[in-house]
Protein backbone atom coordinates (compact mmCIF):
# COMPACT_ATOMS: atom_id res chain seq x y z
CA UNK A 1 -20.04 -29.63 -8.38
CA UNK A 2 -21.08 -32.89 -6.78
CA UNK A 3 -22.05 -35.93 -8.85
CA UNK A 4 -24.93 -38.05 -7.57
CA UNK A 5 -25.88 -41.64 -8.43
CA UNK A 6 -29.12 -43.21 -7.23
CA UNK A 7 -29.91 -46.90 -6.88
CA UNK A 8 -32.47 -49.15 -5.27
CA UNK A 9 -35.53 -48.54 -7.38
CA UNK A 10 -37.69 -51.33 -8.72
CA UNK A 11 -41.12 -52.91 -8.87
CA UNK A 12 -42.95 -53.60 -5.62
CA UNK A 13 -46.50 -54.43 -4.62
CA UNK A 14 -48.63 -51.97 -2.71
CA UNK A 15 -47.81 -52.12 0.98
CA UNK A 16 -44.23 -53.12 0.30
CA UNK A 17 -40.95 -51.34 0.98
CA UNK A 18 -37.93 -50.10 -0.91
CA UNK A 19 -34.74 -48.36 0.14
CA UNK A 20 -33.17 -45.87 -2.23
CA UNK A 21 -29.52 -44.94 -1.99
CA UNK A 22 -27.66 -41.95 -3.34
CA UNK A 23 -23.88 -41.93 -3.41
CA UNK A 24 -21.90 -38.79 -4.14
CA UNK A 25 -18.55 -38.16 -5.74
CA UNK A 26 -16.55 -35.07 -6.48
CA UNK A 27 -17.33 -33.30 -3.23
CA UNK A 28 -18.29 -34.28 0.28
CA UNK A 29 -22.03 -34.45 0.94
CA UNK A 30 -21.65 -32.92 4.38
CA UNK A 31 -21.47 -29.54 2.64
CA UNK A 32 -24.98 -29.91 1.21
CA UNK A 33 -28.61 -29.91 2.19
CA UNK A 34 -29.88 -33.07 0.48
CA UNK A 35 -33.25 -33.98 -0.89
CA UNK A 36 -35.26 -36.63 -2.65
CA UNK A 37 -37.74 -35.51 -5.27
CA UNK A 38 -39.91 -37.46 -7.68
CA UNK A 39 -41.64 -37.06 -11.00
CA UNK A 40 -44.57 -39.14 -12.15
CA UNK A 41 -45.57 -39.36 -15.84
CA UNK A 42 -47.38 -36.22 -16.92
CA UNK A 43 -46.76 -34.47 -13.62
CA UNK A 44 -44.34 -31.87 -12.37
CA UNK A 45 -41.33 -32.81 -10.29
CA UNK A 46 -42.21 -32.62 -6.59
CA UNK A 47 -40.38 -32.55 -3.29
CA UNK A 48 -40.49 -35.75 -1.22
CA UNK A 49 -38.00 -35.35 1.63
CA UNK A 50 -35.00 -33.31 2.71
CA UNK A 51 -32.29 -33.49 5.36
CA UNK A 52 -30.07 -30.74 6.71
CA UNK A 53 -26.28 -30.71 6.54
CA UNK A 54 -25.21 -31.40 10.08
CA UNK A 55 -28.08 -31.58 12.57
CA UNK A 56 -30.00 -34.13 10.54
CA UNK A 57 -33.20 -32.08 10.58
CA UNK A 58 -35.69 -33.68 8.23
CA UNK A 59 -38.53 -32.37 6.10
CA UNK A 60 -41.27 -34.35 4.36
CA UNK A 61 -44.08 -33.82 1.92
CA UNK A 62 -47.44 -34.42 3.58
CA UNK A 63 -48.11 -37.30 1.18
CA UNK A 64 -45.19 -39.36 2.53
CA UNK A 65 -45.07 -38.36 6.21
CA UNK A 66 -45.06 -41.39 8.46
CA UNK A 67 -44.18 -43.74 5.58
CA UNK A 68 -40.84 -42.47 4.24
CA UNK A 69 -37.64 -41.76 6.15
CA UNK A 70 -34.65 -39.82 4.84
CA UNK A 71 -31.24 -40.32 6.38
CA UNK A 72 -27.62 -39.56 5.60
CA UNK A 73 -24.24 -41.06 6.33
CA UNK A 74 -21.66 -38.37 5.75
CA UNK A 75 -18.82 -40.82 6.34
CA UNK A 76 -20.06 -42.86 3.37
CA UNK A 77 -20.99 -39.76 1.40
CA UNK A 78 -24.48 -41.17 1.00
CA UNK A 79 -28.14 -40.33 1.50
CA UNK A 80 -30.97 -42.84 1.78
CA UNK A 81 -34.73 -42.91 1.46
CA UNK A 82 -36.54 -45.72 3.24
CA UNK A 83 -39.99 -46.10 1.76
CA UNK A 84 -42.58 -48.19 3.59
CA UNK A 85 -46.28 -48.83 3.02
CA UNK A 86 -45.85 -47.94 -0.63
CA UNK A 87 -48.91 -46.95 -2.64
CA UNK A 88 -49.52 -46.98 -6.42
CA UNK A 89 -49.49 -43.18 -6.34
CA UNK A 90 -45.85 -43.32 -5.20
CA UNK A 91 -44.92 -44.58 -8.67
CA UNK A 92 -42.41 -42.15 -10.17
CA UNK A 93 -38.81 -41.55 -11.06
CA UNK A 94 -37.03 -40.61 -7.84
CA UNK A 95 -34.16 -38.15 -7.91
CA UNK A 96 -31.49 -37.39 -5.37
CA UNK A 97 -30.54 -33.72 -5.31
CA UNK A 98 -28.13 -31.43 -3.51
CA UNK A 99 -28.35 -27.81 -2.48
CA UNK A 100 -25.46 -25.72 -1.18
CA UNK A 101 -27.92 -23.04 -0.22
CA UNK A 102 -30.72 -22.88 2.26
CA UNK A 103 -33.25 -25.58 3.05
CA UNK A 104 -35.69 -25.90 0.16
CA UNK A 105 -38.79 -27.87 -0.69
CA UNK A 106 -38.84 -26.63 -4.28
CA UNK A 107 -37.05 -28.34 -7.19
CA UNK A 108 -35.56 -24.99 -8.18
CA UNK A 109 -33.76 -24.89 -4.84
CA UNK A 110 -31.46 -27.76 -5.78
CA UNK A 111 -28.39 -27.30 -7.98
CA UNK A 112 -27.13 -30.86 -8.51
CA UNK A 113 -29.18 -33.86 -9.56
CA UNK A 114 -28.73 -37.57 -10.05
CA UNK A 115 -30.04 -39.41 -13.10
CA UNK A 116 -33.03 -40.83 -11.25
CA UNK A 117 -34.24 -44.31 -10.36
CA UNK A 118 -37.65 -45.74 -11.28
CA UNK A 119 -40.02 -46.86 -8.54
CA UNK A 120 -43.15 -48.69 -9.63
CA UNK A 121 -45.80 -49.74 -7.14
CA UNK A 122 -48.40 -52.20 -8.38
CA UNK A 123 -51.87 -52.46 -6.90
């Protein structure tokens, strides 16, 4: 199983940007469909973005389309989430997750998870 470690979270004002990183160990990330998901207080975990194994096909939740960009660097065994034009409603714990199955936009579709990194957007 792959181990995932996120970094890059923090406090930012509305309209600002953050870049989250996820570095893997144990197995190569090129074997996995990768995703970023988030969970706000009192809410269910939700899909944010996903990227396919080799072709780099990307998938986004409607709420982040045009503002967030997911990318991967298989040589560095890493996945990134560039977040621009941040809004207070983006405040959540963000998780990096891996799936060795098919493309999924559901939390249940991912088998390996990082510990999460807090993103707080102030108004």
